[in-house]
Protein backbone atom coordinates (compact mmCIF):
# COMPACT_ATOMS: atom_id res chain seq x y z
CA MET A 1 -15.26 -6.61 -30.82
CA ASN A 2 -17.99 -8.80 -32.37
CA ALA A 3 -21.56 -8.42 -31.73
CA SER A 4 -21.90 -11.44 -29.41
CA SER A 5 -19.12 -10.29 -27.21
CA VAL A 6 -20.61 -6.76 -26.98
CA ASP A 7 -23.90 -8.41 -26.07
CA ASN A 8 -22.36 -10.51 -23.39
CA GLU A 9 -20.52 -7.50 -21.93
CA GLU A 10 -23.70 -5.59 -21.80
CA ALA A 11 -25.41 -8.40 -20.07
CA VAL A 12 -22.65 -8.54 -17.39
CA LEU A 13 -22.99 -4.73 -16.76
CA GLU A 14 -26.79 -4.56 -16.80
CA GLN A 15 -26.95 -7.52 -14.36
CA LEU A 16 -24.54 -5.76 -11.95
CA LEU A 17 -26.39 -2.47 -12.31
CA ARG A 18 -29.71 -4.11 -11.51
CA CYS A 19 -28.44 -5.60 -8.35
CA ILE A 20 -26.63 -2.51 -7.12
CA ASN A 21 -29.40 -0.10 -8.00
CA CYS A 22 -32.11 -2.11 -6.33
CA GLY A 23 -31.06 -0.56 -2.99
CA LYS A 24 -30.35 3.04 -4.01
CA ASN A 25 -33.39 4.31 -2.23
CA GLY A 26 -33.12 2.05 0.75
CA GLU A 27 -35.45 -0.69 -0.57
CA GLN A 28 -32.75 -3.34 -0.29
CA SER A 29 -32.67 -5.03 3.06
CA LYS A 30 -29.58 -4.69 5.05
CA PRO A 31 -26.78 -7.27 4.09
CA VAL A 32 -26.71 -10.20 6.37
CA SER A 33 -23.56 -12.26 7.18
CA CYS A 34 -23.84 -15.78 5.99
CA GLN A 35 -22.28 -18.58 7.91
CA ASN A 36 -22.16 -20.83 4.79
CA ASP A 37 -19.52 -19.31 2.60
CA ASN A 38 -20.75 -21.16 -0.38
CA ILE A 39 -24.11 -19.34 -0.46
CA LYS A 40 -23.94 -16.23 -2.66
CA SER A 41 -26.51 -13.54 -3.39
CA ALA A 42 -27.39 -12.42 -6.88
CA GLU A 43 -25.27 -9.32 -6.19
CA ASP A 44 -22.30 -11.35 -5.07
CA ILE A 45 -22.53 -13.47 -8.33
CA ALA A 46 -22.96 -10.29 -10.42
CA VAL A 47 -19.94 -8.54 -8.82
CA GLU A 48 -17.86 -11.71 -9.10
CA ASN A 49 -18.75 -12.00 -12.74
CA PHE A 50 -17.64 -8.44 -13.36
CA SER A 51 -14.32 -8.74 -11.59
CA LEU A 52 -13.44 -12.08 -13.43
CA LYS A 53 -14.46 -10.68 -16.85
CA TYR A 54 -12.54 -7.30 -16.44
CA GLN A 55 -9.60 -8.45 -14.36
CA ASN A 56 -7.20 -7.82 -17.22
CA VAL A 57 -8.94 -4.57 -18.56
CA ARG A 58 -7.20 -1.33 -18.12
CA LYS A 59 -9.48 1.10 -20.06
CA PHE A 60 -13.11 1.63 -19.19
CA SER A 61 -13.75 5.23 -20.08
CA ALA A 62 -13.67 4.66 -23.86
CA GLY A 63 -15.36 2.09 -26.16
CA GLU A 64 -18.67 0.99 -26.98
CA ASN A 65 -19.91 0.46 -23.51
CA ALA A 66 -18.31 3.49 -21.87
CA VAL A 67 -21.74 4.89 -20.91
CA LEU A 68 -22.59 1.56 -19.09
CA PHE A 69 -19.31 1.63 -17.33
CA LYS A 70 -19.69 5.05 -16.27
CA GLU A 71 -23.18 4.02 -14.66
CA VAL A 72 -21.70 1.15 -13.06
CA PHE A 73 -18.80 3.13 -11.43
CA THR A 74 -21.21 5.85 -10.16
CA SER A 75 -23.52 3.17 -8.62
CA LEU A 76 -20.68 1.33 -6.88
CA LEU A 77 -19.67 4.65 -5.26
CA GLU A 78 -23.10 6.14 -4.44
CA ASN A 79 -25.08 3.02 -3.72
CA ARG A 80 -22.56 0.88 -2.18
CA LEU A 81 -19.34 2.51 -0.94
CA ASN A 82 -21.11 5.04 1.24
CA GLY A 83 -21.37 5.31 4.95
CA GLN A 84 -24.75 3.37 5.54
CA TRP A 85 -23.97 0.44 3.35
CA THR A 86 -20.26 0.19 4.18
CA SER A 87 -21.09 0.02 7.92
CA SER A 88 -23.44 -2.78 7.63
CA ALA A 89 -22.28 -4.94 4.72
CA PRO A 90 -20.57 -8.30 5.27
CA VAL A 91 -16.88 -8.15 4.80
CA ARG A 92 -17.04 -10.67 1.96
CA THR A 93 -19.49 -8.55 -0.02
CA LEU A 94 -17.67 -5.35 0.71
CA PHE A 95 -14.40 -6.91 -0.48
CA ARG A 96 -16.02 -7.70 -3.82
CA ILE A 97 -17.41 -4.23 -4.24
CA VAL A 98 -13.95 -2.65 -3.35
CA LEU A 99 -12.23 -5.09 -5.78
CA CYS A 100 -14.48 -3.87 -8.68
CA ILE A 101 -13.62 -0.31 -7.87
CA ARG A 102 -9.90 -1.09 -7.73
CA LEU A 103 -10.08 -2.60 -11.07
CA MET A 104 -11.83 0.35 -12.70
CA ILE A 105 -9.43 2.93 -11.25
CA ARG A 106 -6.68 1.44 -13.15
CA ASP A 107 -8.17 3.68 -15.87
CA ASP A 108 -6.92 7.25 -14.92
CA ALA A 109 -10.13 8.91 -15.70
CA TYR A 110 -11.84 6.79 -13.06
CA LEU A 111 -8.90 7.30 -10.59
CA ASP A 112 -9.44 11.00 -10.91
CA GLU A 113 -13.28 10.63 -10.53
CA PHE A 114 -12.80 8.41 -7.49
CA ALA A 115 -10.63 10.93 -5.73
CA ASP A 116 -12.89 13.77 -6.58
CA ARG A 117 -15.98 11.85 -5.37
CA LYS A 118 -14.38 11.91 -1.82
CA GLY A 119 -12.60 8.61 -2.52
CA ALA A 120 -10.16 9.06 0.46
CA ILE A 121 -13.08 9.50 2.77
CA ARG A 122 -14.75 6.33 1.37
CA LEU A 123 -11.46 4.40 2.06
CA GLN A 124 -11.47 5.65 5.61
CA MET A 125 -15.04 4.28 6.02
CA VAL A 126 -13.74 0.92 4.98
CA PHE A 127 -10.85 1.02 7.44
CA GLU A 128 -13.27 2.03 10.16
CA ARG A 129 -15.48 -0.87 9.31
CA LEU A 130 -12.77 -3.37 9.37
CA ALA A 131 -11.38 -1.88 12.72
CA GLY A 132 -14.96 -2.55 14.20
CA CYS A 133 -15.63 -5.97 13.01
CA SER A 134 -14.97 -9.13 14.86
CA CYS A 135 -13.40 -11.25 12.09
CA LEU A 136 -14.64 -14.84 12.16
CA GLN A 137 -12.09 -17.37 11.20
CA LEU A 138 -14.43 -18.31 8.35
CA HIS A 139 -14.04 -14.83 6.81
CA GLU A 140 -10.45 -14.00 7.81
CA HIS A 141 -9.42 -14.39 4.14
CA TYR A 142 -11.84 -11.63 2.98
CA HIS A 143 -10.81 -9.43 5.93
CA SER A 144 -7.15 -9.45 4.81
CA GLN A 145 -7.91 -9.31 1.16
CA LEU A 146 -10.23 -6.22 1.73
CA HIS A 147 -7.41 -4.58 3.60
CA VAL A 148 -5.05 -5.20 0.75
CA GLU A 149 -7.46 -3.90 -1.90
CA VAL A 150 -8.14 -0.65 0.07
CA VAL A 151 -4.45 -0.07 0.54
CA CYS A 152 -3.85 -0.72 -3.17
CA ILE A 153 -6.38 2.00 -4.10
CA ALA A 154 -4.67 4.35 -1.48
CA GLN A 155 -1.36 3.64 -3.19
CA LYS A 156 -2.87 4.43 -6.54
CA MET A 157 -3.90 7.75 -5.22
CA ALA A 158 -0.65 8.37 -3.44
CA ALA A 159 1.21 8.02 -6.81
CA LEU A 160 -0.33 11.32 -8.00
CA ASP A 161 0.69 14.50 -6.41
CA ARG A 162 -2.74 16.06 -7.07
CA HIS A 163 -4.45 13.41 -4.88
CA GLN A 164 -1.86 12.92 -1.99
CA GLN A 165 -3.27 15.75 0.16
CA LYS A 166 -6.70 14.17 0.13
CA LEU A 167 -5.22 11.12 1.74
CA PHE A 168 -3.61 12.98 4.52
CA ASP A 169 -6.85 14.93 5.07
CA SER A 170 -8.55 11.73 5.57
CA ASN A 171 -5.82 10.37 7.86
CA ILE A 172 -5.13 7.35 5.43
CA HIS A 173 -1.49 7.65 6.25
CA VAL A 174 -2.39 6.86 9.95
CA GLN A 175 -4.24 3.80 8.88
CA LEU A 176 -1.26 2.59 6.78
CA VAL A 177 1.06 2.94 9.65
CA LEU A 178 -1.33 1.00 11.93
CA LEU A 179 -1.25 -1.83 9.33
CA LEU A 180 2.42 -2.20 9.89
CA ALA A 181 1.53 -4.21 12.93
CA SER A 182 -0.70 -6.63 10.92
CA ARG A 183 0.13 -10.36 11.43
CA ASN A 184 -0.70 -11.00 7.71
CA VAL A 185 2.32 -10.58 5.60
CA GLY A 186 0.38 -9.59 2.56
CA VAL A 187 -1.33 -6.77 4.33
CA LEU A 188 1.99 -5.54 5.88
CA GLN A 189 3.64 -5.51 2.43
CA ALA A 190 0.86 -3.60 0.80
CA ALA A 191 0.99 -1.08 3.62
CA LEU A 192 4.72 -0.71 3.14
CA ARG A 193 4.44 -0.24 -0.52
CA ALA A 194 1.79 2.47 -0.13
CA LEU A 195 3.94 4.18 2.41
CA LEU A 196 6.95 3.99 0.19
CA THR A 197 4.82 5.74 -2.45
CA LEU A 198 3.68 8.44 -0.16
CA VAL A 199 7.21 9.34 1.09
CA GLN A 200 8.56 10.04 -2.28
CA ARG A 201 7.33 13.63 -1.72
CA GLN A 202 9.46 15.69 0.65
CA GLN A 203 6.22 17.31 2.16
CA SER A 204 4.91 13.92 3.08
CA ILE A 205 7.87 12.63 4.99
CA ALA A 206 7.25 14.67 8.11
CA LEU A 207 3.69 13.55 8.31
CA VAL A 208 4.47 9.80 7.99
CA GLY A 209 7.50 10.16 10.36
CA SER A 210 5.56 11.87 13.13
CA LEU A 211 3.60 8.64 13.78
CA ASN A 212 6.60 6.73 15.43
CA THR A 213 6.82 4.97 12.03
CA VAL A 214 10.72 4.58 12.48
CA GLU A 215 10.25 2.52 15.62
CA ILE A 216 7.91 0.06 13.81
CA LEU A 217 10.14 -0.08 10.73
CA LEU A 218 13.06 -1.07 12.95
CA LYS A 219 11.08 -3.95 14.38
CA ILE A 220 10.22 -5.24 10.90
CA LEU A 221 13.90 -5.10 9.92
CA GLN A 222 14.67 -7.27 12.91
CA ASN A 223 11.99 -9.99 12.79
CA TYR A 224 10.24 -10.19 9.37
CA ASP A 225 10.72 -11.88 6.02
CA SER A 226 13.30 -10.71 3.46
CA LEU A 227 10.77 -8.93 1.15
CA SER A 228 9.20 -7.00 4.24
CA LYS A 229 12.70 -6.03 5.34
CA ARG A 230 13.66 -4.84 1.90
CA LEU A 231 10.45 -2.64 1.78
CA ALA A 232 10.82 -1.34 5.28
CA ALA A 233 14.50 -0.38 4.57
CA GLN A 234 13.35 1.69 1.63
CA VAL A 235 10.78 3.57 3.58
CA LEU A 236 13.29 4.07 6.53
CA ARG A 237 15.81 5.51 4.04
CA SER A 238 13.35 8.16 2.96
CA LEU A 239 12.16 8.96 6.49
CA CYS A 240 15.83 9.56 7.42
CA GLY A 241 16.20 12.26 5.09
CA GLU A 242 14.44 14.39 7.72
CA ALA A 243 15.83 15.24 11.14
CA ARG A 244 12.89 13.50 12.85
CA GLY A 245 13.83 10.20 11.28
CA VAL A 246 17.57 10.50 12.32
CA GLN A 247 16.50 11.35 15.85
CA ASP A 248 14.04 8.33 16.00
CA VAL A 249 16.73 5.96 14.96
CA LYS A 250 18.87 7.24 17.80
CA ILE A 251 15.98 7.16 20.34
CA TYR A 252 14.98 3.56 19.35
CA ARG A 253 18.69 2.35 19.16
CA GLY A 254 18.34 1.45 15.61
CA LEU A 255 22.07 1.65 14.61
CA ALA A 256 22.94 -1.80 15.79
CA THR A 257 19.93 -3.22 13.80
CA LEU A 258 21.09 -1.39 10.73
CA LEU A 259 24.72 -2.56 11.10
CA GLY A 260 23.64 -6.10 11.45
CA LEU A 261 21.81 -5.92 8.22
CA LEU A 262 25.10 -5.27 6.29
CA HIS A 263 25.70 -9.06 6.47
CA SER A 264 22.61 -9.66 4.41
CA GLU A 265 22.85 -11.41 1.00
CA SER A 266 20.09 -9.16 -0.52
CA ILE A 267 21.84 -6.24 -2.41
CA GLU A 268 18.68 -4.25 -2.31
CA LEU A 269 18.49 -4.43 1.40
CA VAL A 270 22.29 -3.65 1.88
CA TRP A 271 22.02 -0.74 -0.63
CA ASN A 272 19.18 0.95 1.35
CA VAL A 273 20.66 0.32 4.57
CA VAL A 274 23.98 1.77 3.59
CA TRP A 275 22.40 5.01 2.23
CA THR A 276 20.31 5.21 5.47
CA LEU A 277 23.56 5.05 7.41
CA VAL A 278 25.01 7.82 5.22
CA SER A 279 21.88 9.93 6.10
CA ILE A 280 22.25 9.51 9.86
CA VAL A 281 26.01 9.65 10.43
CA PRO A 282 26.18 13.51 10.32
CA ASP A 283 24.63 13.27 13.74
CA SER A 284 27.64 13.34 16.03
CA ASP A 285 26.25 10.94 18.62
CA LEU A 286 25.32 8.37 15.83
CA SER A 287 28.74 8.82 14.19
CA ASN A 288 30.49 8.10 17.38
CA ASP A 289 28.28 5.04 17.94
CA LEU A 290 29.02 3.74 14.54
CA ARG A 291 32.66 3.72 15.32
CA VAL A 292 32.19 2.22 18.76
CA GLN A 293 30.03 -0.61 17.39
CA GLY A 294 32.43 -1.57 14.64
CA GLY A 295 30.70 0.09 11.74
CA ILE A 296 34.00 1.20 9.95
CA PRO A 297 35.38 -2.41 9.67
CA LEU A 298 32.07 -3.50 8.22
CA PHE A 299 32.19 -0.90 5.62
CA LEU A 300 35.76 -1.64 4.70
CA SER A 301 34.84 -5.27 4.41
CA LEU A 302 32.07 -4.22 1.91
CA ILE A 303 34.50 -2.20 -0.08
CA GLN A 304 37.12 -4.90 -0.20
CA ASN A 305 34.62 -7.65 -0.93
CA GLY A 306 32.12 -5.78 -2.81
CA PHE A 307 28.31 -5.47 -2.40
CA PRO A 308 26.35 -8.60 -2.92
CA GLY A 309 25.57 -8.90 -6.66
CA ASP A 310 27.16 -7.31 -9.66
CA LYS A 311 27.61 -3.58 -10.57
CA GLU A 312 24.73 -3.55 -12.98
CA THR A 313 22.23 -4.84 -10.38
CA LEU A 314 23.64 -2.39 -7.83
CA HIS A 315 23.16 0.56 -10.13
CA ARG A 316 19.57 -0.61 -10.89
CA PHE A 317 18.74 -0.49 -7.15
CA GLY A 318 20.45 2.75 -6.78
CA GLY A 319 18.28 4.41 -9.36
CA GLY A 320 21.27 5.90 -11.12
CA GLN A 321 22.85 7.22 -7.81
CA SER A 322 26.51 6.94 -7.70
CA THR A 323 27.85 3.53 -6.46
CA ASP A 324 31.26 4.68 -5.75
CA ASP A 325 32.65 2.74 -2.65
CA THR A 326 34.94 5.49 -1.75
CA GLN A 327 32.21 8.05 -1.60
CA VAL A 328 30.32 5.81 0.87
CA LEU A 329 33.32 5.39 3.11
CA VAL A 330 34.09 9.09 3.10
CA CYS A 331 30.48 9.87 4.05
CA LEU A 332 30.70 7.43 6.89
CA SER A 333 34.03 8.48 8.17
């Protein structure tokens, strides 16, 4: 890195630090919502400059300006993403702050620091702020984008076993399930991805499944776009690895929905639906219902005509799991 780029980097970081630190002792006036979206404060500009400059950077904890980055990260958490500031900040400004934090925690060192500095509790504060704000149409974009940013941070934490319990202790999993009712497809899909990451651990499945999640997933499988359906099918497949998930499929009459999805042209969707069915048919009631509703002919058709796509693609979606058609039929019969 040459001298001029280092100087420019330092200028961006120092500008951001000045703006954030000016309110650390309460001197800064409370943020005020602005009806003119084109008007930006000095802090808005500094935060935006930071996010643009470092959007492709993955390592902040090493290098010539590591100390400055450390100061920035600490200030973002302590002087901004705290209860008092979060509860009063405009959604637009809060979004930009959370975006900067999300960029920095792509560095594992900062992800660990975020989690250790009560990161899950800070995320819960943002969820509460969003739940309590009346979203003007003018700022609806920031409202949705802030949800996505917070969920992405939760997903990063969920991917590491050592941080998952902190999410559950702060009820982040509850917030993620609530977001499955979002009318914004981007928010919905972000929540599905985060939940999918959570339920990779056996201990987490029961906690997520206890929130009537299966009922919501079945509705998504009926009414939403193709990508949302594929993500929902993956989450449902994991939940049906536990008895609660199987019982919920029965209670909410989900078998017909699952059988209907076998006509899909999406190999990923069909694959996950098939293995969800394999998980639930040991239940005698569901096994009988599958036969009554014509499930066996559907599977015979799949075996005769093949899954959509080629075997290589099928193996990729199966994660190496056996794709033997006979095995599937035996499980279902």
